[in-house]
Amino acid sequence: NLNRNSGSTFDAWQDMGAPEQIQTDVYNYLKSKEIPEIK
């Protein structure tokens, strides 16, 4: 499943307030959100 709740870095970025500057820790967090859910 790839949707707004799983696998969407864009939606995770928006949920954190859409920061213009992204530090390494925030980038790594967003990178971890790109994986789709699997059942």
All heavy atoms as atom14 arrays in JSON, in Angstrom:
{
  "sequence": "NLNRNSGSTFDAWQDMGAPEQIQTDVYNYLKSKEIPEIK",
  "atom14_mask": [
    [1, 1, 1, 1, 1, 1, 1, 1, 0, 0, 0, 0, 0, 0],
    [1, 1, 1, 1, 1, 1, 1, 1, 0, 0, 0, 0, 0, 0],
    [1, 1, 1, 1, 1, 1, 1, 1, 0, 0, 0, 0, 0, 0],
    [1, 1, 1, 1, 1, 1, 1, 1, 1, 1, 1, 0, 0, 0],
    [1, 1, 1, 1, 1, 1, 1, 1, 0, 0, 0, 0, 0, 0],
    [1, 1, 1, 1, 1, 1, 0, 0, 0, 0, 0, 0, 0, 0],
    [1, 1, 1, 1, 0, 0, 0, 0, 0, 0, 0, 0, 0, 0],
    [1, 1, 1, 1, 1, 1, 0, 0, 0, 0, 0, 0, 0, 0],
    [1, 1, 1, 1, 1, 1, 1, 0, 0, 0, 0, 0, 0, 0],
    [1, 1, 1, 1, 1, 1, 1, 1, 1, 1, 1, 0, 0, 0],
    [1, 1, 1, 1, 1, 1, 1, 1, 0, 0, 0, 0, 0, 0],
    [1, 1, 1, 1, 1, 0, 0, 0, 0, 0, 0, 0, 0, 0],
    [1, 1, 1, 1, 1, 1, 1, 1, 1, 1, 1, 1, 1, 1],
    [1, 1, 1, 1, 1, 1, 1, 1, 1, 0, 0, 0, 0, 0],
    [1, 1, 1, 1, 1, 1, 1, 1, 0, 0, 0, 0, 0, 0],
    [1, 1, 1, 1, 1, 1, 1, 1, 0, 0, 0, 0, 0, 0],
    [1, 1, 1, 1, 0, 0, 0, 0, 0, 0, 0, 0, 0, 0],
    [1, 1, 1, 1, 1, 0, 0, 0, 0, 0, 0, 0, 0, 0],
    [1, 1, 1, 1, 1, 1, 1, 0, 0, 0, 0, 0, 0, 0],
    [1, 1, 1, 1, 1, 1, 1, 1, 1, 0, 0, 0, 0, 0],
    [1, 1, 1, 1, 1, 1, 1, 1, 1, 0, 0, 0, 0, 0],
    [1, 1, 1, 1, 1, 1, 1, 1, 0, 0, 0, 0, 0, 0],
    [1, 1, 1, 1, 1, 1, 1, 1, 1, 0, 0, 0, 0, 0],
    [1, 1, 1, 1, 1, 1, 1, 0, 0, 0, 0, 0, 0, 0],
    [1, 1, 1, 1, 1, 1, 1, 1, 0, 0, 0, 0, 0, 0],
    [1, 1, 1, 1, 1, 1, 1, 0, 0, 0, 0, 0, 0, 0],
    [1, 1, 1, 1, 1, 1, 1, 1, 1, 1, 1, 1, 0, 0],
    [1, 1, 1, 1, 1, 1, 1, 1, 0, 0, 0, 0, 0, 0],
    [1, 1, 1, 1, 1, 1, 1, 1, 1, 1, 1, 1, 0, 0],
    [1, 1, 1, 1, 1, 1, 1, 1, 0, 0, 0, 0, 0, 0],
    [1, 1, 1, 1, 1, 1, 1, 1, 1, 0, 0, 0, 0, 0],
    [1, 1, 1, 1, 1, 1, 0, 0, 0, 0, 0, 0, 0, 0],
    [1, 1, 1, 1, 1, 1, 1, 1, 1, 0, 0, 0, 0, 0],
    [1, 1, 1, 1, 1, 1, 1, 1, 1, 0, 0, 0, 0, 0],
    [1, 1, 1, 1, 1, 1, 1, 1, 0, 0, 0, 0, 0, 0],
    [1, 1, 1, 1, 1, 1, 1, 0, 0, 0, 0, 0, 0, 0],
    [1, 1, 1, 1, 1, 1, 1, 1, 1, 0, 0, 0, 0, 0],
    [1, 1, 1, 1, 1, 1, 1, 1, 0, 0, 0, 0, 0, 0],
    [1, 1, 1, 1, 1, 1, 1, 1, 1, 0, 0, 0, 0, 0]
  ],
  "atom14_positions": [
    [[0.84, -1.2, 0.0], [0.0, 0.0, 0.0], [0.87, 1.25, 0.0], [1.75, 1.4, 0.85], [-0.89, 0.04, 1.25], [-1.99, -0.98, 1.19], [-2.86, -0.9, 0.34], [-1.95, -1.97, 2.07], [0.0, 0.0, 0.0], [0.0, 0.0, 0.0], [0.0, 0.0, 0.0], [0.0, 0.0, 0.0], [0.0, 0.0, 0.0], [0.0, 0.0, 0.0]],
    [[0.62, 2.11, -0.94], [1.27, 3.41, -1.0], [0.16, 4.45, -1.06], [-0.66, 4.44, -1.97], [2.16, 3.51, -2.25], [2.86, 4.83, -2.5], [3.83, 5.15, -1.36], [3.59, 4.81, -3.82], [0.0, 0.0, 0.0], [0.0, 0.0, 0.0], [0.0, 0.0, 0.0], [0.0, 0.0, 0.0], [0.0, 0.0, 0.0], [0.0, 0.0, 0.0]],
    [[0.09, 5.27, -0.01], [-0.95, 6.3, 0.05], [-0.5, 7.42, 0.98], [0.66, 7.45, 1.4], [-2.28, 5.67, 0.52], [-2.17, 4.94, 1.83], [-1.65, 5.47, 2.81], [-2.63, 3.7, 1.86], [0.0, 0.0, 0.0], [0.0, 0.0, 0.0], [0.0, 0.0, 0.0], [0.0, 0.0, 0.0], [0.0, 0.0, 0.0], [0.0, 0.0, 0.0]],
    [[-1.39, 8.3, 1.32], [-1.03, 9.45, 2.14], [-0.58, 9.06, 3.55], [0.13, 9.82, 4.21], [-2.21, 10.41, 2.22], [-2.59, 10.94, 0.85], [-3.65, 11.95, 0.94], [-2.97, 13.24, 0.77], [-3.57, 14.39, 0.73], [-4.87, 14.46, 0.89], [-2.89, 15.49, 0.54], [0.0, 0.0, 0.0], [0.0, 0.0, 0.0], [0.0, 0.0, 0.0]],
    [[-0.96, 7.88, 4.02], [-0.59, 7.45, 5.37], [0.64, 6.55, 5.4], [1.25, 6.37, 6.45], [-1.77, 6.72, 6.03], [-2.94, 7.65, 6.22], [-2.78, 8.81, 6.57], [-4.14, 7.15, 5.98], [0.0, 0.0, 0.0], [0.0, 0.0, 0.0], [0.0, 0.0, 0.0], [0.0, 0.0, 0.0], [0.0, 0.0, 0.0], [0.0, 0.0, 0.0]],
    [[0.98, 5.94, 4.29], [2.14, 5.05, 4.26], [2.88, 5.21, 2.94], [2.29, 5.09, 1.88], [1.73, 3.59, 4.46], [0.85, 3.18, 3.44], [0.0, 0.0, 0.0], [0.0, 0.0, 0.0], [0.0, 0.0, 0.0], [0.0, 0.0, 0.0], [0.0, 0.0, 0.0], [0.0, 0.0, 0.0], [0.0, 0.0, 0.0], [0.0, 0.0, 0.0]],
    [[4.16, 5.53, 3.04], [5.0, 5.65, 1.86], [5.04, 7.02, 1.23], [5.62, 7.19, 0.17], [0.0, 0.0, 0.0], [0.0, 0.0, 0.0], [0.0, 0.0, 0.0], [0.0, 0.0, 0.0], [0.0, 0.0, 0.0], [0.0, 0.0, 0.0], [0.0, 0.0, 0.0], [0.0, 0.0, 0.0], [0.0, 0.0, 0.0], [0.0, 0.0, 0.0]],
    [[4.45, 8.02, 1.86], [4.42, 9.36, 1.26], [5.3, 10.34, 2.04], [4.91, 10.83, 3.1], [2.99, 9.9, 1.22], [2.98, 11.24, 0.76], [0.0, 0.0, 0.0], [0.0, 0.0, 0.0], [0.0, 0.0, 0.0], [0.0, 0.0, 0.0], [0.0, 0.0, 0.0], [0.0, 0.0, 0.0], [0.0, 0.0, 0.0], [0.0, 0.0, 0.0]],
    [[6.49, 10.62, 1.52], [7.35, 11.61, 2.16], [6.74, 13.0, 2.05], [6.92, 13.82, 2.95], [8.76, 11.62, 1.55], [8.66, 11.82, 0.14], [9.47, 10.31, 1.81], [0.0, 0.0, 0.0], [0.0, 0.0, 0.0], [0.0, 0.0, 0.0], [0.0, 0.0, 0.0], [0.0, 0.0, 0.0], [0.0, 0.0, 0.0], [0.0, 0.0, 0.0]],
    [[6.01, 13.27, 0.98], [5.38, 14.58, 0.82], [4.39, 14.85, 1.95], [4.39, 15.91, 2.56], [4.68, 14.68, -0.54], [3.97, 15.98, -0.74], [4.68, 17.14, -1.01], [2.58, 16.06, -0.64], [4.03, 18.35, -1.19], [1.92, 17.26, -0.82], [2.65, 18.42, -1.09], [0.0, 0.0, 0.0], [0.0, 0.0, 0.0], [0.0, 0.0, 0.0]],
    [[3.53, 13.87, 2.25], [2.55, 14.06, 3.31], [3.22, 14.15, 4.68], [2.78, 14.91, 5.54], [1.49, 12.96, 3.27], [0.55, 13.15, 2.08], [-0.2, 14.13, 2.08], [0.6, 12.32, 1.16], [0.0, 0.0, 0.0], [0.0, 0.0, 0.0], [0.0, 0.0, 0.0], [0.0, 0.0, 0.0], [0.0, 0.0, 0.0], [0.0, 0.0, 0.0]],
    [[4.29, 13.37, 4.91], [5.03, 13.47, 6.17], [5.66, 14.85, 6.31], [5.65, 15.45, 7.39], [6.1, 12.38, 6.24], [0.0, 0.0, 0.0], [0.0, 0.0, 0.0], [0.0, 0.0, 0.0], [0.0, 0.0, 0.0], [0.0, 0.0, 0.0], [0.0, 0.0, 0.0], [0.0, 0.0, 0.0], [0.0, 0.0, 0.0], [0.0, 0.0, 0.0]],
    [[6.19, 15.38, 5.21], [6.79, 16.72, 5.21], [5.72, 17.77, 5.51], [5.94, 18.66, 6.32], [7.44, 16.96, 3.85], [7.94, 18.35, 3.6], [9.05, 18.93, 4.15], [7.34, 19.32, 2.76], [9.18, 20.22, 3.68], [8.14, 20.48, 2.81], [6.22, 19.33, 1.94], [7.84, 21.63, 2.09], [5.93, 20.48, 1.21], [6.74, 21.61, 1.3]],
    [[4.56, 17.64, 4.9], [3.46, 18.58, 5.19], [3.0, 18.48, 6.64], [2.72, 19.5, 7.27], [2.27, 18.32, 4.26], [2.45, 18.9, 2.88], [1.18, 18.83, 2.08], [0.44, 17.86, 2.15], [0.92, 19.88, 1.32], [0.0, 0.0, 0.0], [0.0, 0.0, 0.0], [0.0, 0.0, 0.0], [0.0, 0.0, 0.0], [0.0, 0.0, 0.0]],
    [[2.93, 17.26, 7.17], [2.49, 17.07, 8.55], [3.42, 17.73, 9.56], [3.0, 18.09, 10.65], [2.37, 15.57, 8.88], [1.19, 14.91, 8.19], [0.29, 15.63, 7.68], [1.16, 13.66, 8.14], [0.0, 0.0, 0.0], [0.0, 0.0, 0.0], [0.0, 0.0, 0.0], [0.0, 0.0, 0.0], [0.0, 0.0, 0.0], [0.0, 0.0, 0.0]],
    [[4.7, 17.89, 9.2], [5.63, 18.54, 10.12], [5.7, 20.05, 9.9], [6.52, 20.73, 10.48], [7.02, 17.9, 10.05], [7.73, 18.07, 8.74], [9.45, 17.49, 8.76], [9.35, 15.87, 9.38], [0.0, 0.0, 0.0], [0.0, 0.0, 0.0], [0.0, 0.0, 0.0], [0.0, 0.0, 0.0], [0.0, 0.0, 0.0], [0.0, 0.0, 0.0]],
    [[4.8, 20.57, 9.07], [4.74, 22.02, 8.86], [5.41, 22.5, 7.59], [5.6, 23.7, 7.41], [0.0, 0.0, 0.0], [0.0, 0.0, 0.0], [0.0, 0.0, 0.0], [0.0, 0.0, 0.0], [0.0, 0.0, 0.0], [0.0, 0.0, 0.0], [0.0, 0.0, 0.0], [0.0, 0.0, 0.0], [0.0, 0.0, 0.0], [0.0, 0.0, 0.0]],
    [[5.79, 21.59, 6.71], [6.42, 21.92, 5.43], [7.61, 22.86, 5.58], [7.66, 23.93, 4.97], [5.38, 22.5, 4.48], [0.0, 0.0, 0.0], [0.0, 0.0, 0.0], [0.0, 0.0, 0.0], [0.0, 0.0, 0.0], [0.0, 0.0, 0.0], [0.0, 0.0, 0.0], [0.0, 0.0, 0.0], [0.0, 0.0, 0.0], [0.0, 0.0, 0.0]],
    [[8.61, 22.47, 6.39], [9.76, 23.36, 6.58], [10.54, 23.57, 5.28], [10.69, 22.65, 4.48], [10.62, 22.62, 7.61], [10.24, 21.19, 7.46], [8.79, 21.18, 7.07], [0.0, 0.0, 0.0], [0.0, 0.0, 0.0], [0.0, 0.0, 0.0], [0.0, 0.0, 0.0], [0.0, 0.0, 0.0], [0.0, 0.0, 0.0], [0.0, 0.0, 0.0]],
    [[11.0, 24.81, 5.08], [11.79, 25.12, 3.88], [13.22, 24.62, 4.01], [13.82, 24.21, 3.03], [11.76, 26.62, 3.61], [10.39, 27.1, 3.19], [10.37, 28.58, 2.84], [11.42, 29.12, 2.43], [9.31, 29.19, 2.99], [0.0, 0.0, 0.0], [0.0, 0.0, 0.0], [0.0, 0.0, 0.0], [0.0, 0.0, 0.0], [0.0, 0.0, 0.0]],
    [[13.77, 24.7, 5.2], [15.12, 24.22, 5.47], [15.01, 22.84, 6.12], [14.29, 22.68, 7.1], [15.84, 25.18, 6.43], [15.94, 26.59, 5.92], [17.18, 26.8, 5.06], [18.18, 26.11, 5.26], [17.11, 27.72, 4.12], [0.0, 0.0, 0.0], [0.0, 0.0, 0.0], [0.0, 0.0, 0.0], [0.0, 0.0, 0.0], [0.0, 0.0, 0.0]],
    [[15.73, 21.88, 5.58], [15.66, 20.52, 6.12], [17.06, 20.09, 6.57], [17.98, 19.97, 5.75], [15.08, 19.54, 5.08], [13.66, 19.95, 4.73], [15.14, 18.12, 5.6], [12.98, 19.07, 3.73], [0.0, 0.0, 0.0], [0.0, 0.0, 0.0], [0.0, 0.0, 0.0], [0.0, 0.0, 0.0], [0.0, 0.0, 0.0], [0.0, 0.0, 0.0]],
    [[17.2, 19.87, 7.87], [18.45, 19.4, 8.44], [18.57, 17.89, 8.2], [17.62, 17.21, 7.84], [18.52, 19.69, 9.95], [18.56, 21.16, 10.31], [17.17, 21.8, 10.3], [16.16, 21.11, 10.33], [17.13, 23.13, 10.25], [0.0, 0.0, 0.0], [0.0, 0.0, 0.0], [0.0, 0.0, 0.0], [0.0, 0.0, 0.0], [0.0, 0.0, 0.0]],
    [[19.75, 17.36, 8.47], [20.03, 15.95, 8.22], [19.09, 15.03, 8.98], [18.58, 14.06, 8.41], [21.49, 15.62, 8.6], [22.36, 16.46, 7.84], [21.83, 14.16, 8.31], [0.0, 0.0, 0.0], [0.0, 0.0, 0.0], [0.0, 0.0, 0.0], [0.0, 0.0, 0.0], [0.0, 0.0, 0.0], [0.0, 0.0, 0.0], [0.0, 0.0, 0.0]],
    [[18.8, 15.33, 10.25], [17.92, 14.45, 11.03], [16.5, 14.44, 10.46], [15.85, 13.41, 10.4], [17.94, 14.81, 12.51], [17.48, 16.23, 12.79], [17.55, 17.09, 11.87], [17.08, 16.51, 13.93], [0.0, 0.0, 0.0], [0.0, 0.0, 0.0], [0.0, 0.0, 0.0], [0.0, 0.0, 0.0], [0.0, 0.0, 0.0], [0.0, 0.0, 0.0]],
    [[16.03, 15.59, 10.01], [14.7, 15.68, 9.41], [14.69, 14.95, 8.06], [13.74, 14.22, 7.74], [14.25, 17.15, 9.25], [12.94, 17.24, 8.48], [14.13, 17.81, 10.61], [0.0, 0.0, 0.0], [0.0, 0.0, 0.0], [0.0, 0.0, 0.0], [0.0, 0.0, 0.0], [0.0, 0.0, 0.0], [0.0, 0.0, 0.0], [0.0, 0.0, 0.0]],
    [[15.74, 15.13, 7.28], [15.86, 14.42, 6.0], [15.81, 12.91, 6.21], [15.1, 12.19, 5.5], [17.16, 14.82, 5.29], [17.42, 14.02, 4.04], [16.79, 14.35, 2.84], [18.27, 12.91, 4.06], [17.0, 13.6, 1.7], [18.49, 12.17, 2.92], [17.86, 12.51, 1.74], [18.07, 11.75, 0.62], [0.0, 0.0, 0.0], [0.0, 0.0, 0.0]],
    [[16.57, 12.42, 7.2], [16.59, 10.98, 7.48], [15.22, 10.48, 7.92], [14.81, 9.38, 7.55], [17.64, 10.66, 8.53], [19.06, 10.83, 8.0], [19.29, 10.76, 6.79], [20.0, 11.1, 8.88], [0.0, 0.0, 0.0], [0.0, 0.0, 0.0], [0.0, 0.0, 0.0], [0.0, 0.0, 0.0], [0.0, 0.0, 0.0], [0.0, 0.0, 0.0]],
    [[14.52, 11.28, 8.7], [13.16, 10.91, 9.11], [12.25, 10.81, 7.89], [11.53, 9.83, 7.72], [12.61, 11.95, 10.1], [11.15, 11.75, 10.38], [10.71, 10.75, 11.24], [10.19, 12.56, 9.77], [9.37, 10.56, 11.48], [8.84, 12.37, 10.01], [8.43, 11.37, 10.87], [7.1, 11.18, 11.09], [0.0, 0.0, 0.0], [0.0, 0.0, 0.0]],
    [[12.28, 11.82, 7.03], [11.44, 11.8, 5.82], [11.81, 10.64, 4.92], [10.93, 10.01, 4.32], [11.56, 13.13, 5.07], [10.92, 14.33, 5.76], [11.26, 15.61, 5.02], [9.42, 14.17, 5.89], [0.0, 0.0, 0.0], [0.0, 0.0, 0.0], [0.0, 0.0, 0.0], [0.0, 0.0, 0.0], [0.0, 0.0, 0.0], [0.0, 0.0, 0.0]],
    [[13.09, 10.34, 4.81], [13.55, 9.22, 4.0], [12.96, 7.9, 4.52], [12.62, 7.02, 3.73], [15.08, 9.16, 4.03], [15.7, 8.26, 3.04], [15.89, 8.97, 1.73], [16.76, 8.11, 0.83], [16.16, 7.84, -0.44], [0.0, 0.0, 0.0], [0.0, 0.0, 0.0], [0.0, 0.0, 0.0], [0.0, 0.0, 0.0], [0.0, 0.0, 0.0]],
    [[12.81, 7.78, 5.83], [12.25, 6.56, 6.4], [10.76, 6.4, 6.09], [10.22, 5.31, 6.2], [12.45, 6.54, 7.92], [11.56, 7.43, 8.57], [0.0, 0.0, 0.0], [0.0, 0.0, 0.0], [0.0, 0.0, 0.0], [0.0, 0.0, 0.0], [0.0, 0.0, 0.0], [0.0, 0.0, 0.0], [0.0, 0.0, 0.0], [0.0, 0.0, 0.0]],
    [[10.1, 7.47, 5.7], [8.67, 7.43, 5.4], [8.36, 7.01, 3.97], [7.2, 6.88, 3.6], [8.04, 8.81, 5.66], [8.07, 9.22, 7.11], [7.21, 8.28, 7.9], [7.12, 8.66, 9.35], [6.23, 7.78, 10.09], [0.0, 0.0, 0.0], [0.0, 0.0, 0.0], [0.0, 0.0, 0.0], [0.0, 0.0, 0.0], [0.0, 0.0, 0.0]],
    [[9.39, 6.78, 3.13], [9.15, 6.47, 1.73], [8.83, 5.0, 1.48], [8.56, 4.6, 0.36], [10.33, 6.9, 0.87], [11.58, 6.06, 1.07], [12.76, 6.56, 0.27], [12.67, 7.65, -0.32], [13.78, 5.88, 0.26], [0.0, 0.0, 0.0], [0.0, 0.0, 0.0], [0.0, 0.0, 0.0], [0.0, 0.0, 0.0], [0.0, 0.0, 0.0]],
    [[8.82, 4.2, 2.51], [8.58, 2.76, 2.35], [7.09, 2.45, 2.44], [6.44, 2.79, 3.42], [9.35, 1.97, 3.43], [10.85, 2.25, 3.3], [9.07, 0.48, 3.31], [11.67, 1.74, 4.45], [0.0, 0.0, 0.0], [0.0, 0.0, 0.0], [0.0, 0.0, 0.0], [0.0, 0.0, 0.0], [0.0, 0.0, 0.0], [0.0, 0.0, 0.0]],
    [[6.52, 1.82, 1.42], [5.1, 1.46, 1.46], [4.82, 0.44, 2.57], [5.69, -0.31, 2.98], [4.82, 0.83, 0.09], [5.98, 1.2, -0.76], [7.13, 1.44, 0.15], [0.0, 0.0, 0.0], [0.0, 0.0, 0.0], [0.0, 0.0, 0.0], [0.0, 0.0, 0.0], [0.0, 0.0, 0.0], [0.0, 0.0, 0.0], [0.0, 0.0, 0.0]],
    [[3.59, 0.42, 3.01], [3.15, -0.59, 3.98], [3.0, -1.91, 3.24], [2.55, -1.95, 2.1], [1.81, -0.16, 4.57], [1.19, -1.19, 5.49], [-0.22, -0.79, 5.92], [-0.96, -0.23, 5.12], [-0.56, -1.07, 7.07], [0.0, 0.0, 0.0], [0.0, 0.0, 0.0], [0.0, 0.0, 0.0], [0.0, 0.0, 0.0], [0.0, 0.0, 0.0]],
    [[3.36, -3.01, 3.91], [3.21, -4.33, 3.32], [2.48, -5.24, 4.3], [2.76, -5.22, 5.51], [4.57, -4.94, 2.91], [4.37, -6.3, 2.25], [5.51, -5.03, 4.07], [5.63, -6.92, 1.68], [0.0, 0.0, 0.0], [0.0, 0.0, 0.0], [0.0, 0.0, 0.0], [0.0, 0.0, 0.0], [0.0, 0.0, 0.0], [0.0, 0.0, 0.0]],
    [[1.54, -6.0, 3.79], [0.83, -7.01, 4.58], [0.98, -8.33, 3.84], [0.81, -8.4, 2.63], [-0.65, -6.66, 4.72], [-0.88, -5.42, 5.55], [-2.36, -5.13, 5.67], [-2.57, -3.84, 6.45], [-3.98, -3.46, 6.51], [0.0, 0.0, 0.0], [0.0, 0.0, 0.0], [0.0, 0.0, 0.0], [0.0, 0.0, 0.0], [0.0, 0.0, 0.0]]
  ]
}
